[in-house]
Protein backbone atom coordinates (compact mmCIF):
# COMPACT_ATOMS: atom_id res chain seq x y z
CA MET A 1 -12.26 122.81 32.47
CA SER A 2 -13.72 120.39 30.92
CA TYR A 3 -11.80 116.98 28.88
CA GLN A 4 -13.36 115.67 25.86
CA VAL A 5 -11.98 111.90 24.39
CA VAL A 6 -12.49 111.61 20.85
CA TYR A 7 -11.63 108.29 19.57
CA PRO A 8 -11.06 107.54 15.92
CA GLY A 9 -13.58 106.11 13.52
CA ASN A 10 -16.95 106.11 14.07
CA PRO A 11 -18.72 103.27 16.88
CA GLU A 12 -21.64 102.62 14.81
CA LYS A 13 -19.37 101.16 11.99
CA ARG A 14 -17.59 98.47 14.09
CA PRO A 15 -16.98 95.22 12.21
CA LYS A 16 -19.92 92.99 13.37
CA LYS A 17 -19.29 89.61 15.05
CA LYS A 18 -19.86 86.67 12.72
CA PRO A 19 -22.80 84.46 14.46
CA VAL A 20 -21.99 80.57 15.52
CA PRO A 21 -23.12 78.20 12.36
CA PHE A 22 -25.70 76.37 12.81
CA SER A 23 -24.17 72.95 12.88
CA LEU A 24 -21.64 74.04 15.48
CA MET A 25 -24.49 75.43 17.83
CA LEU A 26 -26.25 72.09 17.06
CA CYS A 27 -23.32 69.92 18.11
CA GLY A 28 -22.56 72.13 21.14
CA TRP A 29 -26.57 71.66 22.72
CA LEU A 30 -26.33 67.82 21.50
CA LEU A 31 -23.13 67.49 23.65
CA ALA A 32 -24.91 69.42 26.33
CA PHE A 33 -28.47 67.01 26.18
CA VAL A 34 -26.12 63.76 26.51
CA VAL A 35 -24.12 64.96 29.19
CA LEU A 36 -26.72 66.08 31.14
CA THR A 37 -28.85 63.05 30.49
CA VAL A 38 -26.06 61.10 31.70
CA ARG A 39 -25.02 62.43 34.63
CA PHE A 40 -28.70 63.44 36.12
CA TRP A 41 -30.52 60.40 34.95
CA PRO A 42 -28.81 56.77 34.29
CA GLU A 43 -31.62 55.26 32.45
CA GLY A 44 -32.25 57.82 29.70
CA ALA A 45 -28.40 56.75 29.76
CA GLN A 46 -29.43 53.30 28.59
CA VAL A 47 -32.12 54.23 26.31
CA MET A 48 -29.63 56.21 24.78
CA GLN A 49 -26.92 53.44 24.51
CA LYS A 50 -29.97 51.43 23.03
CA LEU A 51 -31.09 53.39 20.05
CA LEU A 52 -27.18 54.64 19.53
CA LEU A 53 -25.43 51.18 19.98
CA PRO A 54 -28.25 48.69 18.33
CA GLY A 55 -27.92 45.06 19.54
CA ASP A 56 -24.87 43.79 20.93
CA ALA A 57 -23.02 46.50 22.13
CA ALA A 58 -20.65 44.12 22.46
CA VAL A 59 -20.05 43.62 18.83
CA THR A 60 -20.37 47.41 18.03
CA VAL A 61 -17.74 48.53 20.23
CA ALA A 62 -15.40 45.71 18.39
CA ALA A 63 -16.61 46.82 14.81
CA LEU A 64 -15.16 50.50 16.22
CA GLU A 65 -12.13 49.04 17.47
CA ASP A 66 -11.75 47.69 14.21
CA PHE A 67 -12.86 50.52 11.78
CA ALA A 68 -10.62 52.86 13.99
CA ALA A 69 -7.40 50.25 13.54
CA GLU A 70 -8.39 49.87 9.91
CA LEU A 71 -8.19 53.86 9.06
CA GLN A 72 -4.95 54.43 11.41
CA ALA A 73 -3.35 51.74 9.01
CA GLY A 74 -3.77 54.18 6.31
CA GLU A 75 -7.19 52.38 4.70
CA GLN A 76 -9.66 54.12 2.95
CA LEU A 77 -12.26 55.56 4.65
CA SER A 78 -14.77 53.66 1.98
CA GLY A 79 -13.03 50.27 2.56
CA ALA A 80 -12.92 50.62 6.15
CA LEU A 81 -16.25 51.98 6.26
CA GLU A 82 -18.12 48.86 4.18
CA ASN A 83 -15.96 46.71 6.68
CA PHE A 84 -17.82 47.76 9.83
CA CYS A 85 -21.07 48.34 8.64
CA ARG A 86 -20.44 44.37 6.93
CA SER A 87 -19.22 43.55 10.59
CA ILE A 88 -22.54 44.88 12.55
CA LEU A 89 -24.51 43.49 9.74
CA GLU A 90 -23.35 39.90 10.24
CA ASN A 91 -22.23 39.23 13.58
CA GLY A 92 -25.06 41.81 15.96
CA GLU A 93 -28.26 41.13 16.38
CA ILE A 94 -29.19 43.07 13.31
CA GLY A 95 -29.38 41.56 10.02
CA LEU A 96 -30.95 41.77 7.05
CA HIS A 97 -33.80 39.13 7.19
């Protein structure tokens, strides 16, 4: 005597999984790269910091804090971004000479 289990529906017609969006995958790989670089290659982390925060890092951090404070206070994004860029160009080592 044998038994057979029959499931409803055709297994070939199961809904396919949606692919992961490219932008999300790219962000994941970049985050993994940054974490691994900082963890295992400190000199590389310094190089990345210089690339991401050119000029005086203290000026950039202060400008970022002001940018975040302006956004939290309800400032429009365009105005806050303009003030951030102006602060970087005026106070940092980067300038339009």
